[in-house]
Amino acid sequence: MTTYTVMKTNMRDEAIIPKLAIDSFRQAFADAVSSDIPVVFVSKEKIIEKQADGKMVELKNVSQAYVVPELKHTVLKRRVKRGVFA
């Protein structure tokens, strides 16, 4: 079972959590790409592997996986509350 630590945060701290997550991911990606380890990532609808020698190899084209969602133009109707008014 996982133990969670209760942390008291204010609205300002909670508001910057997404920004901190994005910055952390960017830093981790930059560290991985600059290392001598092969890194696999998606760029411009292609799966690319950056090898240790700096060479980029296209592994697969995933453009077919990208789908533009169709928006449904429906109107949500609210129910009329019918109650006894005094």
Protein backbone atom coordinates (compact mmCIF):
# COMPACT_ATOMS: atom_id res chain seq x y z
CA MET A 1 0.00 0.00 0.00
CA THR A 2 1.26 3.46 -0.84
CA THR A 3 1.61 6.04 1.87
CA TYR A 4 0.69 9.55 0.86
CA THR A 5 2.06 12.61 2.57
CA VAL A 6 -0.47 15.31 3.28
CA MET A 7 0.90 18.60 2.02
CA LYS A 8 -0.76 21.89 2.64
CA THR A 9 -0.60 24.04 -0.47
CA ASN A 10 -2.19 27.27 -1.44
CA MET A 11 -3.83 28.15 -4.75
CA ARG A 12 -0.65 29.77 -6.10
CA ASP A 13 1.41 26.64 -5.48
CA GLU A 14 -1.22 24.42 -7.09
CA ALA A 15 -1.43 26.72 -10.10
CA ILE A 16 2.28 26.31 -10.93
CA ILE A 17 2.27 22.49 -10.75
CA PRO A 18 1.61 22.07 -14.52
CA LYS A 19 4.40 24.53 -15.35
CA LEU A 20 6.82 22.67 -13.07
CA ALA A 21 5.85 19.36 -14.68
CA ILE A 22 6.46 20.72 -18.19
CA ASP A 23 9.82 22.20 -17.18
CA SER A 24 10.85 18.91 -15.54
CA PHE A 25 9.90 16.93 -18.63
CA ARG A 26 11.82 19.30 -20.92
CA GLN A 27 14.90 19.06 -18.71
CA ALA A 28 14.70 15.25 -18.56
CA PHE A 29 14.29 15.04 -22.35
CA ALA A 30 17.25 17.37 -22.92
CA ASP A 31 19.38 15.30 -20.54
CA ALA A 32 18.36 12.06 -22.28
CA VAL A 33 19.06 13.40 -25.78
CA SER A 34 22.46 14.76 -24.76
CA SER A 35 23.49 11.45 -23.16
CA ASP A 36 25.14 8.49 -24.88
CA ILE A 37 21.99 6.36 -24.59
CA PRO A 38 19.66 5.82 -27.57
CA VAL A 39 16.42 7.81 -27.15
CA VAL A 40 13.11 7.12 -28.91
CA PHE A 41 10.60 9.94 -29.34
CA VAL A 42 7.85 11.17 -31.67
CA SER A 43 8.48 14.20 -33.86
CA LYS A 44 6.36 15.44 -36.78
CA GLU A 45 4.21 12.28 -36.84
CA LYS A 46 7.24 9.96 -36.99
CA ILE A 47 8.82 7.72 -34.36
CA ILE A 48 12.50 8.63 -34.33
CA GLU A 49 15.43 7.02 -32.55
CA LYS A 50 18.43 9.19 -31.73
CA GLN A 51 21.37 6.85 -31.49
CA ALA A 52 24.43 7.29 -29.28
CA ASP A 53 26.51 8.61 -32.20
CA GLY A 54 23.96 11.40 -32.86
CA LYS A 55 22.43 9.77 -35.94
CA MET A 56 18.63 10.03 -36.26
CA VAL A 57 16.78 6.95 -37.55
CA GLU A 58 13.10 7.02 -38.50
CA LEU A 59 11.51 3.88 -37.07
CA LYS A 60 7.89 4.32 -38.11
CA ASN A 61 5.48 6.81 -39.63
CA VAL A 62 2.52 7.21 -37.28
CA SER A 63 0.59 9.85 -39.23
CA GLN A 64 -2.34 7.44 -39.58
CA ALA A 65 -2.67 7.35 -35.78
CA TYR A 66 -3.48 11.05 -35.60
CA VAL A 67 -7.21 11.63 -35.83
CA VAL A 68 -9.06 14.91 -35.95
CA PRO A 69 -12.01 14.53 -33.59
CA GLU A 70 -15.41 15.31 -35.00
CA LEU A 71 -17.28 17.79 -32.90
CA LYS A 72 -20.92 17.13 -32.22
CA HIS A 73 -23.00 20.26 -32.42
CA THR A 74 -25.66 19.36 -29.92
CA VAL A 75 -27.45 21.58 -27.52
CA LEU A 76 -27.72 20.41 -23.96
CA LYS A 77 -31.21 20.91 -22.62
CA ARG A 78 -31.77 21.44 -18.94
CA ARG A 79 -34.67 19.91 -17.13
CA VAL A 80 -37.15 22.33 -15.72
CA LYS A 81 -37.35 21.98 -11.97
CA ARG A 82 -40.96 21.68 -10.95
CA GLY A 83 -41.60 22.09 -7.32
CA VAL A 84 -44.07 23.52 -4.91
CA PHE A 85 -43.49 27.20 -4.44
CA ALA A 86 -45.11 28.88 -1.47
